């Protein structure tokens, strides 16, 4: 349902957010709900919510020992967001995770 509301034809982002929240609360097996919630809030320029959902997504990704572009996108946003808000220690954590992620990716190439 959320994907339908998110589609260009409807572009009902608040309704899409409602359904993605529901999916995230019911153990979203495809692991897309948290990432989509962050992206939709980013489209609405709600940086606090974007950061909140990206942090939750990173935690879920790390707990499930998954990899992929969602992790990279989340870490990059959080590092830049922390830099913008002068949150140096948090920014350093995300930058280090980005470096570790990139190093790990190079081993697979």
N, C-alpha and C. Protein backbone atom coordinates (compact mmCIF):
# COMPACT_ATOMS: atom_id res chain seq x y z
N UNK A 1 0.83 -1.20 0.00
CA UNK A 1 0.00 0.00 0.00
C UNK A 1 0.86 1.25 0.00
N UNK A 2 1.91 1.25 0.83
CA UNK A 2 2.76 2.42 0.95
C UNK A 2 3.38 2.79 -0.39
N UNK A 3 3.83 1.78 -1.11
CA UNK A 3 4.45 2.02 -2.41
C UNK A 3 3.45 2.67 -3.38
N UNK A 4 2.22 2.26 -3.32
CA UNK A 4 1.18 2.84 -4.18
C UNK A 4 0.97 4.32 -3.86
N UNK A 5 0.88 4.64 -2.58
CA UNK A 5 0.68 6.04 -2.19
C UNK A 5 1.91 6.90 -2.52
N UNK A 6 3.06 6.28 -2.52
CA UNK A 6 4.31 6.98 -2.81
C UNK A 6 4.47 7.27 -4.31
N UNK A 7 3.83 6.50 -5.14
CA UNK A 7 3.99 6.60 -6.60
C UNK A 7 3.70 8.01 -7.10
N UNK A 8 4.33 8.34 -8.19
CA UNK A 8 4.22 9.68 -8.78
C UNK A 8 2.77 10.05 -9.08
N UNK A 9 1.98 9.08 -9.51
CA UNK A 9 0.60 9.37 -9.87
C UNK A 9 -0.21 9.89 -8.68
N UNK A 10 0.01 9.33 -7.50
CA UNK A 10 -0.71 9.77 -6.30
C UNK A 10 0.10 10.78 -5.49
N UNK A 11 1.35 10.46 -5.25
CA UNK A 11 2.28 11.30 -4.49
C UNK A 11 1.66 11.74 -3.16
N UNK A 12 1.05 10.80 -2.46
CA UNK A 12 0.44 11.05 -1.16
C UNK A 12 1.42 10.58 -0.10
N UNK A 13 2.44 11.41 0.16
CA UNK A 13 3.57 11.00 0.98
C UNK A 13 3.19 10.72 2.43
N UNK A 14 2.30 11.51 2.99
CA UNK A 14 1.91 11.29 4.39
C UNK A 14 1.19 9.95 4.56
N UNK A 15 0.38 9.58 3.58
CA UNK A 15 -0.28 8.28 3.62
C UNK A 15 0.75 7.15 3.45
N UNK A 16 1.71 7.36 2.56
CA UNK A 16 2.77 6.37 2.36
C UNK A 16 3.56 6.19 3.66
N UNK A 17 3.86 7.29 4.33
CA UNK A 17 4.58 7.23 5.61
C UNK A 17 3.79 6.40 6.62
N UNK A 18 2.50 6.63 6.69
CA UNK A 18 1.66 5.89 7.63
C UNK A 18 1.77 4.38 7.39
N UNK A 19 1.73 3.96 6.12
CA UNK A 19 1.78 2.53 5.82
C UNK A 19 3.19 1.96 6.01
N UNK A 20 4.21 2.74 5.71
CA UNK A 20 5.58 2.26 5.96
C UNK A 20 5.82 2.12 7.46
N UNK A 21 5.27 3.03 8.27
CA UNK A 21 5.40 2.90 9.72
C UNK A 21 4.74 1.62 10.19
N UNK A 22 3.59 1.34 9.65
CA UNK A 22 2.88 0.11 10.00
C UNK A 22 3.73 -1.11 9.64
N UNK A 23 4.33 -1.08 8.45
CA UNK A 23 5.18 -2.20 8.02
C UNK A 23 6.40 -2.33 8.93
N UNK A 24 7.01 -1.20 9.30
CA UNK A 24 8.19 -1.23 10.16
C UNK A 24 7.85 -1.81 11.53
N UNK A 25 6.66 -1.52 12.02
CA UNK A 25 6.24 -2.02 13.33
C UNK A 25 5.88 -3.50 13.31
N UNK A 26 5.61 -4.04 12.13
CA UNK A 26 5.25 -5.46 12.02
C UNK A 26 6.39 -6.28 11.42
N UNK A 27 7.62 -5.94 11.81
CA UNK A 27 8.79 -6.71 11.41
C UNK A 27 8.88 -6.89 9.90
N UNK A 28 9.08 -5.80 9.21
CA UNK A 28 9.19 -5.75 7.76
C UNK A 28 10.30 -6.67 7.26
N UNK A 29 9.93 -7.81 6.70
CA UNK A 29 10.92 -8.81 6.29
C UNK A 29 11.77 -8.37 5.10
N UNK A 30 11.22 -7.55 4.23
CA UNK A 30 11.99 -7.09 3.07
C UNK A 30 12.99 -6.01 3.45
N UNK A 31 12.87 -5.48 4.65
CA UNK A 31 13.79 -4.48 5.19
C UNK A 31 13.83 -3.21 4.36
N UNK A 32 12.67 -2.80 3.86
CA UNK A 32 12.65 -1.56 3.09
C UNK A 32 11.92 -0.42 3.80
N UNK A 33 11.11 -0.76 4.79
CA UNK A 33 10.25 0.25 5.41
C UNK A 33 11.04 1.38 6.07
N UNK A 34 12.05 1.05 6.87
CA UNK A 34 12.81 2.10 7.55
C UNK A 34 13.54 3.00 6.57
N UNK A 35 14.13 2.39 5.56
CA UNK A 35 14.84 3.18 4.55
C UNK A 35 13.88 4.10 3.79
N UNK A 36 12.73 3.57 3.43
CA UNK A 36 11.74 4.38 2.71
C UNK A 36 11.19 5.50 3.60
N UNK A 37 11.02 5.23 4.89
CA UNK A 37 10.57 6.27 5.81
C UNK A 37 11.59 7.41 5.85
N UNK A 38 12.86 7.07 5.87
CA UNK A 38 13.90 8.10 5.87
C UNK A 38 13.85 8.91 4.57
N UNK A 39 13.72 8.22 3.45
CA UNK A 39 13.70 8.91 2.15
C UNK A 39 12.48 9.81 1.99
N UNK A 40 11.32 9.35 2.45
CA UNK A 40 10.11 10.16 2.35
C UNK A 40 10.20 11.40 3.24
N UNK A 41 10.74 11.23 4.44
CA UNK A 41 10.92 12.39 5.32
C UNK A 41 11.96 13.36 4.73
N UNK A 42 12.94 12.81 4.03
CA UNK A 42 13.93 13.67 3.37
C UNK A 42 13.25 14.50 2.28
N UNK A 43 12.35 13.89 1.57
CA UNK A 43 11.60 14.60 0.52
C UNK A 43 10.74 15.71 1.14
N UNK A 44 10.30 15.50 2.38
CA UNK A 44 9.49 16.50 3.08
C UNK A 44 10.35 17.48 3.88
N UNK A 45 11.68 17.36 3.75
CA UNK A 45 12.64 18.23 4.45
C UNK A 45 12.51 18.16 5.96
N UNK A 46 12.32 16.98 6.49
CA UNK A 46 12.22 16.76 7.94
C UNK A 46 13.48 16.02 8.40
N UNK A 47 14.59 16.75 8.52
CA UNK A 47 15.88 16.13 8.79
C UNK A 47 15.95 15.34 10.08
N UNK A 48 15.24 15.76 11.12
CA UNK A 48 15.26 15.00 12.38
C UNK A 48 14.67 13.62 12.18
N UNK A 49 13.58 13.54 11.47
CA UNK A 49 12.95 12.25 11.20
C UNK A 49 13.81 11.40 10.28
N UNK A 50 14.45 12.06 9.30
CA UNK A 50 15.34 11.33 8.39
C UNK A 50 16.45 10.66 9.21
N UNK A 51 17.07 11.44 10.08
CA UNK A 51 18.15 10.90 10.91
C UNK A 51 17.64 9.77 11.80
N UNK A 52 16.47 9.95 12.39
CA UNK A 52 15.88 8.92 13.26
C UNK A 52 15.72 7.60 12.52
N UNK A 53 15.14 7.64 11.32
CA UNK A 53 14.88 6.40 10.58
C UNK A 53 16.15 5.81 9.98
N UNK A 54 17.09 6.65 9.57
CA UNK A 54 18.36 6.10 9.09
C UNK A 54 19.12 5.41 10.22
N UNK A 55 19.08 5.98 11.43
CA UNK A 55 19.75 5.34 12.57
C UNK A 55 19.11 3.98 12.86
N UNK A 56 17.79 3.93 12.84
CA UNK A 56 17.10 2.65 13.06
C UNK A 56 17.44 1.65 11.96
N UNK A 57 17.53 2.14 10.72
CA UNK A 57 17.85 1.27 9.59
C UNK A 57 19.27 0.71 9.73
N UNK A 58 20.21 1.55 10.12
CA UNK A 58 21.59 1.10 10.32
C UNK A 58 21.65 0.02 11.39
N UNK A 59 20.96 0.25 12.50
CA UNK A 59 20.93 -0.74 13.58
C UNK A 59 20.38 -2.07 13.08
N UNK A 60 19.29 -2.01 12.31
CA UNK A 60 18.69 -3.24 11.77
C UNK A 60 19.65 -3.93 10.80
N UNK A 61 20.28 -3.16 9.93
CA UNK A 61 21.23 -3.73 8.96
C UNK A 61 22.39 -4.41 9.69
N UNK A 62 22.92 -3.74 10.72
CA UNK A 62 24.04 -4.31 11.46
C UNK A 62 23.62 -5.56 12.23
N UNK A 63 22.43 -5.54 12.83
CA UNK A 63 21.94 -6.70 13.58
C UNK A 63 21.72 -7.91 12.68
N UNK A 64 21.31 -7.65 11.45
CA UNK A 64 21.05 -8.74 10.51
C UNK A 64 22.28 -9.08 9.66
N UNK A 65 23.38 -8.36 9.93
CA UNK A 65 24.64 -8.56 9.21
C UNK A 65 24.46 -8.52 7.70
N UNK A 66 23.71 -7.51 7.25
CA UNK A 66 23.50 -7.32 5.81
C UNK A 66 24.42 -6.21 5.32
N UNK A 67 24.50 -6.08 4.00
CA UNK A 67 25.26 -5.00 3.37
C UNK A 67 24.44 -4.47 2.21
N UNK A 68 24.88 -3.36 1.66
CA UNK A 68 24.21 -2.83 0.49
C UNK A 68 24.20 -1.32 0.46
N UNK A 69 23.62 -0.77 -0.58
CA UNK A 69 23.64 0.68 -0.77
C UNK A 69 22.84 1.45 0.27
N UNK A 70 21.87 0.82 0.91
CA UNK A 70 21.09 1.51 1.95
C UNK A 70 21.99 1.94 3.10
N UNK A 71 22.93 1.09 3.47
CA UNK A 71 23.85 1.41 4.56
C UNK A 71 24.71 2.61 4.18
N UNK A 72 25.23 2.59 2.99
CA UNK A 72 26.08 3.69 2.52
C UNK A 72 25.30 5.00 2.49
N UNK A 73 24.10 4.97 1.97
CA UNK A 73 23.26 6.17 1.89
C UNK A 73 22.94 6.72 3.28
N UNK A 74 22.62 5.83 4.22
CA UNK A 74 22.29 6.24 5.58
C UNK A 74 23.50 6.85 6.28
N UNK A 75 24.64 6.20 6.18
CA UNK A 75 25.85 6.70 6.82
C UNK A 75 26.26 8.06 6.27
N UNK A 76 26.16 8.21 4.97
CA UNK A 76 26.53 9.48 4.34
C UNK A 76 25.62 10.60 4.80
N UNK A 77 24.31 10.36 4.82
CA UNK A 77 23.38 11.39 5.29
C UNK A 77 23.69 11.76 6.73
N UNK A 78 23.87 10.76 7.59
CA UNK A 78 24.09 11.02 9.01
C UNK A 78 25.41 11.78 9.25
N UNK A 79 26.44 11.43 8.51
CA UNK A 79 27.72 12.14 8.66
C UNK A 79 27.57 13.61 8.26
N UNK A 80 26.90 13.87 7.16
CA UNK A 80 26.70 15.25 6.70
C UNK A 80 25.77 15.99 7.65
N UNK A 81 24.72 15.35 8.09
CA UNK A 81 23.78 15.98 9.02
C UNK A 81 24.46 16.35 10.34
N UNK A 82 25.28 15.45 10.85
CA UNK A 82 26.01 15.74 12.10
C UNK A 82 27.00 16.88 11.90
N UNK A 83 27.63 16.91 10.74
CA UNK A 83 28.56 18.00 10.43
C UNK A 83 27.84 19.34 10.39
N UNK A 84 26.67 19.36 9.78
CA UNK A 84 25.87 20.58 9.68
C UNK A 84 25.46 21.08 11.05
N UNK A 85 25.18 20.16 11.98
CA UNK A 85 24.70 20.54 13.31
C UNK A 85 25.83 20.57 14.34
N UNK A 86 27.07 20.54 13.86
CA UNK A 86 28.25 20.62 14.72
C UNK A 86 28.28 19.51 15.78
N UNK A 87 27.88 18.35 15.41
CA UNK A 87 27.90 17.19 16.31
C UNK A 87 29.13 16.36 15.96
N UNK A 88 30.28 16.86 16.38
CA UNK A 88 31.56 16.33 15.92
C UNK A 88 31.79 14.87 16.28
N UNK A 89 31.50 14.51 17.51
CA UNK A 89 31.77 13.12 17.93
C UNK A 89 30.90 12.13 17.15
N UNK A 90 29.63 12.46 16.99
CA UNK A 90 28.74 11.59 16.22
C UNK A 90 29.17 11.54 14.75
N UNK A 91 29.56 12.70 14.21
CA UNK A 91 30.02 12.75 12.83
C UNK A 91 31.23 11.84 12.64
N UNK A 92 32.13 11.86 13.59
CA UNK A 92 33.33 11.03 13.51
C UNK A 92 32.97 9.54 13.48
N UNK A 93 31.98 9.15 14.28
CA UNK A 93 31.53 7.76 14.30
C UNK A 93 31.02 7.34 12.92
N UNK A 94 30.17 8.19 12.32
CA UNK A 94 29.61 7.84 11.01
C UNK A 94 30.67 7.87 9.91
N UNK A 95 31.59 8.81 10.00
CA UNK A 95 32.68 8.86 9.00
C UNK A 95 33.56 7.62 9.09
N UNK A 96 33.85 7.18 10.32
CA UNK A 96 34.64 5.96 10.49
C UNK A 96 33.90 4.74 9.97
N UNK A 97 32.59 4.68 10.21
CA UNK A 97 31.80 3.57 9.67
C UNK A 97 31.81 3.59 8.15
N UNK A 98 31.75 4.81 7.57
CA UNK A 98 31.83 4.93 6.12
C UNK A 98 33.16 4.39 5.60
N UNK A 99 34.24 4.77 6.27
CA UNK A 99 35.56 4.28 5.85
C UNK A 99 35.65 2.76 5.98
N UNK A 100 35.15 2.23 7.10
CA UNK A 100 35.17 0.78 7.29
C UNK A 100 34.33 0.08 6.23
N UNK A 101 33.18 0.65 5.93
CA UNK A 101 32.29 0.07 4.93
C UNK A 101 32.97 0.05 3.56
N UNK A 102 33.63 1.15 3.21
CA UNK A 102 34.31 1.21 1.92
C UNK A 102 35.48 0.25 1.86
N UNK A 103 36.23 0.12 2.96
CA UNK A 103 37.35 -0.84 2.99
C UNK A 103 36.84 -2.26 2.81
N UNK A 104 35.77 -2.59 3.52
CA UNK A 104 35.19 -3.94 3.43
C UNK A 104 34.69 -4.21 2.01
N UNK A 105 34.13 -3.19 1.36
CA UNK A 105 33.62 -3.36 -0.01
C UNK A 105 34.76 -3.63 -0.99
N UNK A 106 35.91 -3.02 -0.74
CA UNK A 106 37.05 -3.23 -1.64
C UNK A 106 37.56 -4.66 -1.61
N UNK A 107 37.40 -5.35 -0.49
CA UNK A 107 37.84 -6.74 -0.39
C UNK A 107 37.03 -7.65 -1.28
N UNK A 108 35.81 -7.27 -1.56
CA UNK A 108 34.94 -8.11 -2.39
C UNK A 108 35.17 -7.91 -3.88
N UNK A 109 35.86 -6.84 -4.23
CA UNK A 109 36.05 -6.52 -5.66
C UNK A 109 37.12 -7.38 -6.27
